[in-house]
Amino acid sequence: MNVVQIILPWPPKELSPNARIHWSKLAKAKKAYRAACAWTATEQGVRRLQVEKLHVSLTFYPPTRRAFDLDNALARMKSGLDGLADVLGVDDKNWSLSIARAGAVGGMVKVEVRPNEV
């Protein structure tokens, strides 16, 4: 397997750990973002992988030039990564992660998936 590249939508503000919204609205936002990421990955040709461990690199391209915390961005991606795990067929407990901030604006998250040889 080579590197698989996926472009996912920027996670909604409701998924921020700092957001103060009703639990039912949060649950709907999580469900919607998980489904959106799974659908987007499927549309981009991502299929089940026959590997046990993965390394996943996330590069965040914010929608504006406004500063953001990488740890908050990663937390906002949780349900999106769950949707990606559903499509890949590899439990996210077997993933190693790296995260980066892009200098460009784009309102997306670039994901690179590769087998983890460790």
PDB file of N, CA and C in Angstrom:
ATOM      1  N   MET A   1       0.843  -1.187   0.000  1.00  0.00           N
ATOM      2  CA  MET A   1       0.000   0.000   0.000  1.00  0.00           C
ATOM      3  C   MET A   1       0.883   1.243   0.000  1.00  0.00           C
ATOM      4  N   ASN A   2       0.552   2.166  -0.828  1.00  0.00           N
ATOM      5  CA  ASN A   2       1.242   3.450  -0.866  1.00  0.00           C
ATOM      6  C   ASN A   2       0.528   4.435   0.049  1.00  0.00           C
ATOM      7  N   VAL A   3       0.957   5.662   0.002  1.00  0.00           N
ATOM      8  CA  VAL A   3       0.326   6.720   0.794  1.00  0.00           C
ATOM      9  C   VAL A   3      -1.030   7.057   0.181  1.00  0.00           C
ATOM     10  N   VAL A   4      -2.047   7.143   1.026  1.00  0.00           N
ATOM     11  CA  VAL A   4      -3.381   7.553   0.603  1.00  0.00           C
ATOM     12  C   VAL A   4      -3.582   8.985   1.081  1.00  0.00           C
ATOM     13  N   GLN A   5      -3.952   9.882   0.166  1.00  0.00           N
ATOM     14  CA  GLN A   5      -4.199  11.277   0.532  1.00  0.00           C
ATOM     15  C   GLN A   5      -5.686  11.567   0.439  1.00  0.00           C
ATOM     16  N   ILE A   6      -6.204  12.232   1.461  1.00  0.00           N
ATOM     17  CA  ILE A   6      -7.622  12.559   1.547  1.00  0.00           C
ATOM     18  C   ILE A   6      -7.742  14.017   1.976  1.00  0.00           C
ATOM     19  N   ILE A   7      -8.669  14.732   1.386  1.00  0.00           N
ATOM     20  CA  ILE A   7      -8.973  16.103   1.793  1.00  0.00           C
ATOM     21  C   ILE A   7     -10.327  16.078   2.497  1.00  0.00           C
ATOM     22  N   LEU A   8     -10.332  16.423   3.780  1.00  0.00           N
ATOM     23  CA  LEU A   8     -11.566  16.434   4.568  1.00  0.00           C
ATOM     24  C   LEU A   8     -11.988  17.870   4.851  1.00  0.00           C
ATOM     25  N   PRO A   9     -13.285  18.076   5.068  1.00  0.00           N
ATOM     26  CA  PRO A   9     -13.757  19.428   5.380  1.00  0.00           C
ATOM     27  C   PRO A   9     -13.264  19.896   6.749  1.00  0.00           C
ATOM     28  N   TRP A  10     -13.126  21.201   6.900  1.00  0.00           N
ATOM     29  CA  TRP A  10     -12.743  21.794   8.178  1.00  0.00           C
ATOM     30  C   TRP A  10     -13.809  21.444   9.217  1.00  0.00           C
ATOM     31  N   PRO A  11     -13.409  21.005  10.412  1.00  0.00           N
ATOM     32  CA  PRO A  11     -14.407  20.629  11.420  1.00  0.00           C
ATOM     33  C   PRO A  11     -15.206  21.837  11.922  1.00  0.00           C
ATOM     34  N   PRO A  12     -16.498  21.650  12.157  1.00  0.00           N
ATOM     35  CA  PRO A  12     -17.341  22.770  12.596  1.00  0.00           C
ATOM     36  C   PRO A  12     -16.982  23.253  13.997  1.00  0.00           C
ATOM     37  N   LYS A  13     -17.281  24.513  14.263  1.00  0.00           N
ATOM     38  CA  LYS A  13     -16.943  25.125  15.553  1.00  0.00           C
ATOM     39  C   LYS A  13     -17.648  24.444  16.715  1.00  0.00           C
ATOM     40  N   GLU A  14     -18.786  23.818  16.452  1.00  0.00           N
ATOM     41  CA  GLU A  14     -19.526  23.129  17.520  1.00  0.00           C
ATOM     42  C   GLU A  14     -18.728  21.976  18.118  1.00  0.00           C
ATOM     43  N   LEU A  15     -17.755  21.450  17.384  1.00  0.00           N
ATOM     44  CA  LEU A  15     -16.959  20.322  17.867  1.00  0.00           C
ATOM     45  C   LEU A  15     -15.751  20.749  18.691  1.00  0.00           C
ATOM     46  N   SER A  16     -15.557  22.030  18.850  1.00  0.00           N
ATOM     47  CA  SER A  16     -14.449  22.523  19.664  1.00  0.00           C
ATOM     48  C   SER A  16     -14.673  22.151  21.127  1.00  0.00           C
ATOM     49  N   PRO A  17     -13.623  21.720  21.826  1.00  0.00           N
ATOM     50  CA  PRO A  17     -13.761  21.452  23.260  1.00  0.00           C
ATOM     51  C   PRO A  17     -14.156  22.705  24.045  1.00  0.00           C
ATOM     52  N   ASN A  18     -13.926  23.870  23.467  1.00  0.00           N
ATOM     53  CA  ASN A  18     -14.277  25.124  24.139  1.00  0.00           C
ATOM     54  C   ASN A  18     -15.705  25.570  23.855  1.00  0.00           C
ATOM     55  N   ALA A  19     -16.403  24.890  22.957  1.00  0.00           N
ATOM     56  CA  ALA A  19     -17.781  25.262  22.621  1.00  0.00           C
ATOM     57  C   ALA A  19     -18.706  24.914  23.785  1.00  0.00           C
ATOM     58  N   ARG A  20     -19.641  25.771  24.030  1.00  0.00           N
ATOM     59  CA  ARG A  20     -20.622  25.543  25.093  1.00  0.00           C
ATOM     60  C   ARG A  20     -21.995  25.437  24.439  1.00  0.00           C
ATOM     61  N   ILE A  21     -22.322  24.221  24.002  1.00  0.00           N
ATOM     62  CA  ILE A  21     -23.616  24.010  23.369  1.00  0.00           C
ATOM     63  C   ILE A  21     -24.325  22.850  24.051  1.00  0.00           C
ATOM     64  N   HIS A  22     -25.616  22.766  23.849  1.00  0.00           N
ATOM     65  CA  HIS A  22     -26.427  21.700  24.430  1.00  0.00           C
ATOM     66  C   HIS A  22     -25.933  20.349  23.916  1.00  0.00           C
ATOM     67  N   TRP A  23     -25.981  19.336  24.777  1.00  0.00           N
ATOM     68  CA  TRP A  23     -25.440  18.029  24.418  1.00  0.00           C
ATOM     69  C   TRP A  23     -26.102  17.441  23.173  1.00  0.00           C
ATOM     70  N   SER A  24     -27.390  17.712  22.963  1.00  0.00           N
ATOM     71  CA  SER A  24     -28.064  17.125  21.799  1.00  0.00           C
ATOM     72  C   SER A  24     -27.578  17.775  20.495  1.00  0.00           C
ATOM     73  N   LYS A  25     -27.291  19.077  20.535  1.00  0.00           N
ATOM     74  CA  LYS A  25     -26.746  19.745  19.349  1.00  0.00           C
ATOM     75  C   LYS A  25     -25.330  19.249  19.068  1.00  0.00           C
ATOM     76  N   LEU A  26     -24.566  19.009  20.132  1.00  0.00           N
ATOM     77  CA  LEU A  26     -23.214  18.476  19.982  1.00  0.00           C
ATOM     78  C   LEU A  26     -23.266  17.082  19.356  1.00  0.00           C
ATOM     79  N   ALA A  27     -24.179  16.246  19.839  1.00  0.00           N
ATOM     80  CA  ALA A  27     -24.309  14.888  19.297  1.00  0.00           C
ATOM     81  C   ALA A  27     -24.661  14.924  17.810  1.00  0.00           C
ATOM     82  N   LYS A  28     -25.559  15.818  17.423  1.00  0.00           N
ATOM     83  CA  LYS A  28     -25.932  15.944  16.008  1.00  0.00           C
ATOM     84  C   LYS A  28     -24.751  16.420  15.171  1.00  0.00           C
ATOM     85  N   ALA A  29     -23.984  17.369  15.704  1.00  0.00           N
ATOM     86  CA  ALA A  29     -22.818  17.881  14.976  1.00  0.00           C
ATOM     87  C   ALA A  29     -21.771  16.781  14.799  1.00  0.00           C
ATOM     88  N   LYS A  30     -21.544  15.981  15.841  1.00  0.00           N
ATOM     89  CA  LYS A  30     -20.583  14.878  15.753  1.00  0.00           C
ATOM     90  C   LYS A  30     -21.018  13.858  14.713  1.00  0.00           C
ATOM     91  N   LYS A  31     -22.292  13.493  14.763  1.00  0.00           N
ATOM     92  CA  LYS A  31     -22.815  12.504  13.822  1.00  0.00           C
ATOM     93  C   LYS A  31     -22.715  13.011  12.383  1.00  0.00           C
ATOM     94  N   ALA A  32     -23.067  14.268  12.175  1.00  0.00           N
ATOM     95  CA  ALA A  32     -23.029  14.849  10.830  1.00  0.00           C
ATOM     96  C   ALA A  32     -21.597  14.929  10.299  1.00  0.00           C
ATOM     97  N   TYR A  33     -20.640  15.335  11.151  1.00  0.00           N
ATOM     98  CA  TYR A  33     -19.258  15.463  10.690  1.00  0.00           C
ATOM     99  C   TYR A  33     -18.639  14.090  10.435  1.00  0.00           C
ATOM    100  N   ARG A  34     -18.965  13.115  11.265  1.00  0.00           N
ATOM    101  CA  ARG A  34     -18.470  11.751  11.050  1.00  0.00           C
ATOM    102  C   ARG A  34     -18.952  11.229   9.694  1.00  0.00           C
ATOM    103  N   ALA A  35     -20.238  11.419   9.423  1.00  0.00           N
ATOM    104  CA  ALA A  35     -20.806  10.961   8.150  1.00  0.00           C
ATOM    105  C   ALA A  35     -20.207  11.732   6.972  1.00  0.00           C
ATOM    106  N   ALA A  36     -20.016  13.044   7.132  1.00  0.00           N
ATOM    107  CA  ALA A  36     -19.450  13.864   6.053  1.00  0.00           C
ATOM    108  C   ALA A  36     -18.032  13.416   5.712  1.00  0.00           C
ATOM    109  N   CYS A  37     -17.237  13.131   6.727  1.00  0.00           N
ATOM    110  CA  CYS A  37     -15.853  12.697   6.482  1.00  0.00           C
ATOM    111  C   CYS A  37     -15.817  11.304   5.855  1.00  0.00           C
ATOM    112  N   ALA A  38     -16.678  10.413   6.323  1.00  0.00           N
ATOM    113  CA  ALA A  38     -16.740   9.069   5.736  1.00  0.00           C
ATOM    114  C   ALA A  38     -17.160   9.157   4.270  1.00  0.00           C
ATOM    115  N   TRP A  39     -18.168   9.956   3.988  1.00  0.00           N
ATOM    116  CA  TRP A  39     -18.651  10.115   2.616  1.00  0.00           C
ATOM    117  C   TRP A  39     -17.584  10.760   1.728  1.00  0.00           C
ATOM    118  N   THR A  40     -16.935  11.789   2.237  1.00  0.00           N
ATOM    119  CA  THR A  40     -15.891  12.478   1.471  1.00  0.00           C
ATOM    120  C   THR A  40     -14.748  11.525   1.134  1.00  0.00           C
ATOM    121  N   ALA A  41     -14.323  10.737   2.110  1.00  0.00           N
ATOM    122  CA  ALA A  41     -13.242   9.773   1.872  1.00  0.00           C
ATOM    123  C   ALA A  41     -13.667   8.737   0.832  1.00  0.00           C
ATOM    124  N   THR A  42     -14.888   8.257   0.931  1.00  0.00           N
ATOM    125  CA  THR A  42     -15.394   7.275  -0.028  1.00  0.00           C
ATOM    126  C   THR A  42     -15.452   7.877  -1.430  1.00  0.00           C
ATOM    127  N   GLU A  43     -15.916   9.124  -1.535  1.00  0.00           N
ATOM    128  CA  GLU A  43     -15.966   9.815  -2.831  1.00  0.00           C
ATOM    129  C   GLU A  43     -14.579   9.963  -3.452  1.00  0.00           C
ATOM    130  N   GLN A  44     -13.558  10.083  -2.593  1.00  0.00           N
ATOM    131  CA  GLN A  44     -12.187  10.256  -3.080  1.00  0.00           C
ATOM    132  C   GLN A  44     -11.501   8.914  -3.347  1.00  0.00           C
ATOM    133  N   GLY A  45     -12.264   7.831  -3.301  1.00  0.00           N
ATOM    134  CA  GLY A  45     -11.740   6.525  -3.673  1.00  0.00           C
ATOM    135  C   GLY A  45     -11.099   5.734  -2.555  1.00  0.00           C
ATOM    136  N   VAL A  46     -11.261   6.152  -1.322  1.00  0.00           N
ATOM    137  CA  VAL A  46     -10.670   5.426  -0.196  1.00  0.00           C
ATOM    138  C   VAL A  46     -11.477   4.154   0.045  1.00  0.00           C
ATOM    139  N   ARG A  47     -10.774   3.054   0.244  1.00  0.00           N
ATOM    140  CA  ARG A  47     -11.403   1.755   0.491  1.00  0.00           C
ATOM    141  C   ARG A  47     -10.777   1.115   1.728  1.00  0.00           C
ATOM    142  N   ARG A  48     -11.345  -0.009   2.133  1.00  0.00           N
ATOM    143  CA  ARG A  48     -10.809  -0.755   3.275  1.00  0.00           C
ATOM    144  C   ARG A  48      -9.359  -1.146   3.005  1.00  0.00           C
ATOM    145  N   LEU A  49      -8.562  -1.092   4.053  1.00  0.00           N
ATOM    146  CA  LEU A  49      -7.150  -1.449   3.942  1.00  0.00           C
ATOM    147  C   LEU A  49      -6.899  -2.769   4.651  1.00  0.00           C
ATOM    148  N   GLN A  50      -5.981  -3.527   4.127  1.00  0.00           N
ATOM    149  CA  GLN A  50      -5.632  -4.816   4.708  1.00  0.00           C
ATOM    150  C   GLN A  50      -4.354  -4.688   5.540  1.00  0.00           C
ATOM    151  N   VAL A  51      -4.342  -3.751   6.456  1.00  0.00           N
ATOM    152  CA  VAL A  51      -3.215  -3.558   7.365  1.00  0.00           C
ATOM    153  C   VAL A  51      -3.755  -3.448   8.781  1.00  0.00           C
ATOM    154  N   GLU A  52      -2.875  -3.656   9.743  1.00  0.00           N
ATOM    155  CA  GLU A  52      -3.303  -3.576  11.137  1.00  0.00           C
ATOM    156  C   GLU A  52      -2.993  -2.225  11.765  1.00  0.00           C
ATOM    157  N   LYS A  53      -1.874  -1.612  11.362  1.00  0.00           N
ATOM    158  CA  LYS A  53      -1.450  -0.350  11.975  1.00  0.00           C
ATOM    159  C   LYS A  53      -1.218   0.700  10.901  1.00  0.00           C
ATOM    160  N   LEU A  54      -1.597   1.941  11.240  1.00  0.00           N
ATOM    161  CA  LEU A  54      -1.456   3.048  10.303  1.00  0.00           C
ATOM    162  C   LEU A  54      -0.767   4.232  10.959  1.00  0.00           C
ATOM    163  N   HIS A  55      -0.104   5.016  10.128  1.00  0.00           N
ATOM    164  CA  HIS A  55       0.347   6.337  10.556  1.00  0.00           C
ATOM    165  C   HIS A  55      -0.492   7.343   9.786  1.00  0.00           C
ATOM    166  N   VAL A  56      -1.124   8.251  10.508  1.00  0.00           N
ATOM    167  CA  VAL A  56      -2.008   9.247   9.912  1.00  0.00           C
ATOM    168  C   VAL A  56      -1.423  10.630  10.183  1.00  0.00           C
ATOM    169  N   SER A  57      -1.169  11.374   9.111  1.00  0.00           N
ATOM    170  CA  SER A  57      -0.664  12.749   9.217  1.00  0.00           C
ATOM    171  C   SER A  57      -1.792  13.710   8.881  1.00  0.00           C
ATOM    172  N   LEU A  58      -2.023  14.674   9.759  1.00  0.00           N
ATOM    173  CA  LEU A  58      -3.061  15.682   9.555  1.00  0.00           C
ATOM    174  C   LEU A  58      -2.399  17.040   9.366  1.00  0.00           C
ATOM    175  N   THR A  59      -2.751  17.729   8.297  1.00  0.00           N
ATOM    176  CA  THR A  59      -2.288  19.094   8.072  1.00  0.00           C
ATOM    177  C   THR A  59      -3.517  19.980   7.999  1.00  0.00           C
ATOM    178  N   PHE A  60      -3.594  20.944   8.901  1.00  0.00           N
ATOM    179  CA  PHE A  60      -4.764  21.812   9.021  1.00  0.00           C
ATOM    180  C   PHE A  60      -4.575  23.088   8.209  1.00  0.00           C
ATOM    181  N   TYR A  61      -5.501  23.321   7.292  1.00  0.00           N
ATOM    182  CA  TYR A  61      -5.558  24.543   6.478  1.00  0.00           C
ATOM    183  C   TYR A  61      -6.784  25.318   6.952  1.00  0.00           C
ATOM    184  N   PRO A  62      -6.615  26.304   7.819  1.00  0.00           N
ATOM    185  CA  PRO A  62      -7.772  26.987   8.411  1.00  0.00           C
ATOM    186  C   PRO A  62      -8.569  27.779   7.375  1.00  0.00           C
ATOM    187  N   PRO A  63      -9.857  28.024   7.668  1.00  0.00           N
ATOM    188  CA  PRO A  63     -10.677  28.795   6.730  1.00  0.00           C
ATOM    189  C   PRO A  63     -10.304  30.279   6.673  1.00  0.00           C
ATOM    190  N   THR A  64      -9.677  30.784   7.733  1.00  0.00           N
ATOM    191  CA  THR A  64      -9.238  32.180   7.776  1.00  0.00           C
ATOM    192  C   THR A  64      -7.815  32.223   8.326  1.00  0.00           C
ATOM    193  N   ARG A  65      -7.236  33.402   8.353  1.00  0.00           N
ATOM    194  CA  ARG A  65      -5.877  33.556   8.898  1.00  0.00           C
ATOM    195  C   ARG A  65      -5.869  33.649  10.425  1.00  0.00           C
ATOM    196  N   ARG A  66      -7.014  33.528  11.023  1.00  0.00           N
ATOM    197  CA  ARG A  66      -7.126  33.600  12.475  1.00  0.00           C
ATOM    198  C   ARG A  66      -6.335  32.459  13.128  1.00  0.00           C
ATOM    199  N   ALA A  67      -5.640  32.767  14.209  1.00  0.00           N
ATOM    200  CA  ALA A  67      -4.824  31.767  14.902  1.00  0.00           C
ATOM    201  C   ALA A  67      -5.708  30.677  15.514  1.00  0.00           C
ATOM    202  N   PHE A  68      -5.166  29.459  15.570  1.00  0.00           N
ATOM    203  CA  PHE A  68      -5.882  28.353  16.206  1.00  0.00           C
ATOM    204  C   PHE A  68      -4.874  27.436  16.878  1.00  0.00           C
ATOM    205  N   ASP A  69      -5.336  26.725  17.899  1.00  0.00           N
ATOM    206  CA  ASP A  69      -4.490  25.778  18.617  1.00  0.00           C
ATOM    207  C   ASP A  69      -4.550  24.422  17.923  1.00  0.00           C
ATOM    208  N   LEU A  70      -3.402  23.798  17.746  1.00  0.00           N
ATOM    209  CA  LEU A  70      -3.384  22.480  17.120  1.00  0.00           C
ATOM    210  C   LEU A  70      -4.086  21.433  17.972  1.00  0.00           C
ATOM    211  N   ASP A  71      -3.940  21.531  19.298  1.00  0.00           N
ATOM    212  CA  ASP A  71      -4.600  20.536  20.144  1.00  0.00           C
ATOM    213  C   ASP A  71      -6.119  20.654  20.049  1.00  0.00           C
ATOM    214  N   ASN A  72      -6.628  21.874  19.929  1.00  0.00           N
ATOM    215  CA  ASN A  72      -8.061  22.084  19.749  1.00  0.00           C
ATOM    216  C   ASN A  72      -8.501  21.562  18.379  1.00  0.00           C
ATOM    217  N   ALA A  73      -7.699  21.812  17.357  1.00  0.00           N
ATOM    218  CA  ALA A  73      -8.032  21.332  16.012  1.00  0.00           C
ATOM    219  C   ALA A  73      -8.096  19.811  15.980  1.00  0.00           C
ATOM    220  N   LEU A  74      -7.155  19.160  16.648  1.00  0.00           N
ATOM    221  CA  LEU A  74      -7.165  17.699  16.702  1.00  0.00           C
ATOM    222  C   LEU A  74      -8.409  17.193  17.427  1.00  0.00           C
ATOM    223  N   ALA A  75      -8.772  17.834  18.533  1.00  0.00           N
ATOM    224  CA  ALA A  75      -9.971  17.433  19.274  1.00  0.00           C
ATOM    225  C   ALA A  75     -11.224  17.602  18.414  1.00  0.00           C
ATOM    226  N   ARG A  76     -11.273  18.665  17.630  1.00  0.00           N
ATOM    227  CA  ARG A  76     -12.421  18.895  16.745  1.00  0.00           C
ATOM    228  C   ARG A  76     -12.522  17.817  15.669  1.00  0.00           C
ATOM    229  N   MET A  77     -11.405  17.183  15.329  1.00  0.00           N
ATOM    230  CA  MET A  77     -11.371  16.160  14.277  1.00  0.00           C
ATOM    231  C   MET A  77     -11.795  14.776  14.751  1.00  0.00           C
ATOM    232  N   LYS A  78     -11.997  14.576  16.052  1.00  0.00           N
ATOM    233  CA  LYS A  78     -12.246  13.235  16.592  1.00  0.00           C
ATOM    234  C   LYS A  78     -13.325  12.481  15.831  1.00  0.00           C
ATOM    235  N   SER A  79     -14.496  13.061  15.676  1.00  0.00           N
ATOM    236  CA  SER A  79     -15.571  12.337  14.991  1.00  0.00           C
ATOM    237  C   SER A  79     -15.263  12.163  13.502  1.00  0.00           C
ATOM    238  N   GLY A  80     -14.550  13.099  12.913  1.00  0.00           N
ATOM    239  CA  GLY A  80     -14.139  12.946  11.520  1.00  0.00           C
ATOM    240  C   GLY A  80     -13.171  11.786  11.340  1.00  0.00           C
ATOM    241  N   LEU A  81     -12.245  11.643  12.280  1.00  0.00           N
ATOM    242  CA  LEU A  81     -11.310  10.522  12.224  1.00  0.00           C
ATOM    243  C   LEU A  81     -12.029   9.199  12.458  1.00  0.00           C
ATOM    244  N   ASP A  82     -13.071   9.214  13.282  1.00  0.00           N
ATOM    245  CA  ASP A  82     -13.879   8.008  13.472  1.00  0.00           C
ATOM    246  C   ASP A  82     -14.556   7.607  12.162  1.00  0.00           C
ATOM    247  N   GLY A  83     -15.055   8.595  11.421  1.00  0.00           N
ATOM    248  CA  GLY A  83     -15.654   8.312  10.117  1.00  0.00           C
ATOM    249  C   GLY A  83     -14.636   7.748   9.145  1.00  0.00           C
ATOM    250  N   LEU A  84     -13.426   8.283   9.180  1.00  0.00           N
ATOM    251  CA  LEU A  84     -12.355   7.774   8.328  1.00  0.00           C
ATOM    252  C   LEU A  84     -11.991   6.342   8.727  1.00  0.00           C
ATOM    253  N   ALA A  85     -11.950   6.067  10.027  1.00  0.00           N
ATOM    254  CA  ALA A  85     -11.664   4.713  10.511  1.00  0.00           C
ATOM    255  C   ALA A  85     -12.731   3.733  10.029  1.00  0.00           C
ATOM    256  N   ASP A  86     -13.985   4.179   9.996  1.00  0.00           N
ATOM    257  CA  ASP A  86     -15.067   3.329   9.489  1.00  0.00           C
ATOM    258  C   ASP A  86     -14.798   2.918   8.041  1.00  0.00           C
ATOM    259  N   VAL A  87     -14.372   3.867   7.227  1.00  0.00           N
ATOM    260  CA  VAL A  87     -14.124   3.600   5.806  1.00  0.00           C
ATOM    261  C   VAL A  87     -12.879   2.730   5.622  1.00  0.00           C
ATOM    262  N   LEU A  88     -11.819   3.040   6.364  1.00  0.00           N
ATOM    263  CA  LEU A  88     -10.557   2.307   6.216  1.00  0.00           C
ATOM    264  C   LEU A  88     -10.626   0.896   6.792  1.00  0.00           C
ATOM    265  N   GLY A  89     -11.504   0.685   7.762  1.00  0.00           N
ATOM    266  CA  GLY A  89     -11.600  -0.622   8.393  1.00  0.00           C
ATOM    267  C   GLY A  89     -10.450  -0.914   9.340  1.00  0.00           C
ATOM    268  N   VAL A  90      -9.787   0.125   9.821  1.00  0.00           N
ATOM    269  CA  VAL A  90      -8.676  -0.026  10.767  1.00  0.00           C
ATOM    270  C   VAL A  90      -9.020   0.780  12.013  1.00  0.00           C
ATOM    271  N   ASP A  91      -9.107   0.103  13.149  1.00  0.00           N
ATOM    272  CA  ASP A  91      -9.454   0.754  14.412  1.00  0.00           C
ATOM    273  C   ASP A  91      -8.457   1.867  14.719  1.00  0.00           C
ATOM    274  N   ASP A  92      -8.968   3.033  15.107  1.00  0.00           N
ATOM    275  CA  ASP A  92      -8.065   4.165  15.352  1.00  0.00           C
ATOM    276  C   ASP A  92      -7.195   3.989  16.592  1.00  0.00           C
ATOM    277  N   LYS A  93      -7.408   2.953  17.375  1.00  0.00           N
ATOM    278  CA  LYS A  93      -6.487   2.678  18.486  1.00  0.00           C
ATOM    279  C   LYS A  93      -5.147   2.161  17.957  1.00  0.00           C
ATOM    280  N   ASN A  94      -5.129   1.724  16.697  1.00  0.00           N
ATOM    281  CA  ASN A  94      -3.908   1.226  16.062  1.00  0.00           C
ATOM    282  C   ASN A  94      -3.261   2.261  15.144  1.00  0.00           C
ATOM    283  N   TRP A  95      -3.584   3.523  15.363  1.00  0.00           N
ATOM    284  CA  TRP A  95      -3.013   4.611  14.561  1.00  0.00           C
ATOM    285  C   TRP A  95      -1.960   5.359  15.361  1.00  0.00           C
ATOM    286  N   SER A  96      -0.935   5.817  14.679  1.00  0.00           N
ATOM    287  CA  SER A  96      -0.067   6.848  15.252  1.00  0.00           C
ATOM    288  C   SER A  96      -0.391   8.115  14.468  1.00  0.00           C
ATOM    289  N   LEU A  97      -0.303   9.256  15.136  1.00  0.00           N
ATOM    290  CA  LEU A  97      -0.714  10.521  14.528  1.00  0.00           C
ATOM    291  C   LEU A  97       0.422  11.529  14.509  1.00  0.00           C
ATOM    292  N   SER A  98       0.422  12.360  13.480  1.00  0.00           N
ATOM    293  CA  SER A  98       1.245  13.566  13.482  1.00  0.00           C
ATOM    294  C   SER A  98       0.352  14.688  12.971  1.00  0.00           C
ATOM    295  N   ILE A  99       0.523  15.868  13.562  1.00  0.00           N
ATOM    296  CA  ILE A  99      -0.317  17.002  13.178  1.00  0.00           C
ATOM    297  C   ILE A  99       0.561  18.199  12.842  1.00  0.00           C
ATOM    298  N   ALA A 100       0.076  19.008  11.899  1.00  0.00           N
ATOM    299  CA  ALA A 100       0.822  20.198  11.476  1.00  0.00           C
ATOM    300  C   ALA A 100      -0.162  21.284  11.080  1.00  0.00           C
ATOM    301  N   ARG A 101       0.326  22.493  11.125  1.00  0.00           N
ATOM    302  CA  ARG A 101      -0.441  23.672  10.730  1.00  0.00           C
ATOM    303  C   ARG A 101       0.126  24.155   9.396  1.00  0.00           C
ATOM    304  N   ALA A 102      -0.737  24.365   8.416  1.00  0.00           N
ATOM    305  CA  ALA A 102      -0.299  24.876   7.116  1.00  0.00           C
ATOM    306  C   ALA A 102      -0.297  26.395   7.149  1.00  0.00           C
ATOM    307  N   GLY A 103       0.572  26.991   6.365  1.00  0.00           N
ATOM    308  CA  GLY A 103       0.632  28.442   6.305  1.00  0.00           C
ATOM    309  C   GLY A 103      -0.451  29.046   5.429  1.00  0.00           C
ATOM    310  N   ALA A 104      -1.071  28.221   4.604  1.00  0.00           N
ATOM    311  CA  ALA A 104      -2.081  28.710   3.664  1.00  0.00           C
ATOM    312  C   ALA A 104      -3.490  28.557   4.232  1.00  0.00           C
ATOM    313  N   VAL A 105      -4.388  29.368   3.711  1.00  0.00           N
ATOM    314  CA  VAL A 105      -5.799  29.294   4.074  1.00  0.00           C
ATOM    315  C   VAL A 105      -6.475  28.336   3.103  1.00  0.00           C
ATOM    316  N   GLY A 106      -7.452  27.585   3.579  1.00  0.00           N
ATOM    317  CA  GLY A 106      -8.140  26.664   2.673  1.00  0.00           C
ATOM    318  C   GLY A 106      -9.416  26.078   3.242  1.00  0.00           C
ATOM    319  N   GLY A 107      -9.555  26.062   4.563  1.00  0.00           N
ATOM    320  CA  GLY A 107     -10.749  25.504   5.175  1.00  0.00           C
ATOM    321  C   GLY A 107     -10.870  24.006   4.989  1.00  0.00           C
ATOM    322  N   MET A 108      -9.748  23.296   5.152  1.00  0.00           N
ATOM    323  CA  MET A 108      -9.754  21.846   4.959  1.00  0.00           C
ATOM    324  C   MET A 108      -8.689  21.203   5.838  1.00  0.00           C
ATOM    325  N   VAL A 109      -8.760  19.884   5.903  1.00  0.00           N
ATOM    326  CA  VAL A 109      -7.746  19.105   6.606  1.00  0.00           C
ATOM    327  C   VAL A 109      -7.214  18.080   5.610  1.00  0.00           C
ATOM    328  N   LYS A 110      -5.924  18.157   5.340  1.00  0.00           N
ATOM    329  CA  LYS A 110      -5.289  17.195   4.439  1.00  0.00           C
ATOM    330  C   LYS A 110      -4.810  16.019   5.282  1.00  0.00           C
ATOM    331  N   VAL A 111      -5.226  14.833   4.902  1.00  0.00           N
ATOM    332  CA  VAL A 111      -4.904  13.623   5.654  1.00  0.00           C
ATOM    333  C   VAL A 111      -4.072  12.711   4.764  1.00  0.00           C
ATOM    334  N   GLU A 112      -2.964  12.234   5.301  1.00  0.00           N
ATOM    335  CA  GLU A 112      -2.144  11.243   4.605  1.00  0.00           C
ATOM    336  C   GLU A 112      -2.097   9.994   5.468  1.00  0.00           C
ATOM    337  N   VAL A 113      -2.423   8.871   4.857  1.00  0.00           N
ATOM    338  CA  VAL A 113      -2.477   7.592   5.566  1.00  0.00           C
ATOM    339  C   VAL A 113      -1.445   6.670   4.942  1.00  0.00           C
ATOM    340  N   ARG A 114      -0.622   6.060   5.790  1.00  0.00           N
ATOM    341  CA  ARG A 114       0.372   5.101   5.303  1.00  0.00           C
ATOM    342  C   ARG A 114       0.502   3.981   6.328  1.00  0.00           C
ATOM    343  N   PRO A 115       0.950   2.813   5.894  1.00  0.00           N
ATOM    344  CA  PRO A 115       1.149   1.725   6.857  1.00  0.00           C
ATOM    345  C   PRO A 115       2.211   2.116   7.875  1.00  0.00           C
ATOM    346  N   ASN A 116       2.015   1.684   9.098  1.00  0.00           N
ATOM    347  CA  ASN A 116       2.983   1.953  10.157  1.00  0.00           C
ATOM    348  C   ASN A 116       3.840   0.712  10.323  1.00  0.00           C
ATOM    349  N   GLU A 117       5.111   0.826  10.020  1.00  0.00           N
ATOM    350  CA  GLU A 117       6.001  -0.324  10.071  1.00  0.00           C
ATOM    351  C   GLU A 117       6.518  -0.641  11.461  1.00  0.00           C
ATOM    352  N   VAL A 118       6.192   0.172  12.437  1.00  0.00           N
ATOM    353  CA  VAL A 118       6.731  -0.040  13.785  1.00  0.00           C
ATOM    354  C   VAL A 118       6.004  -1.159  14.462  1.00  0.00           C
TER     355      VAL A 118
END
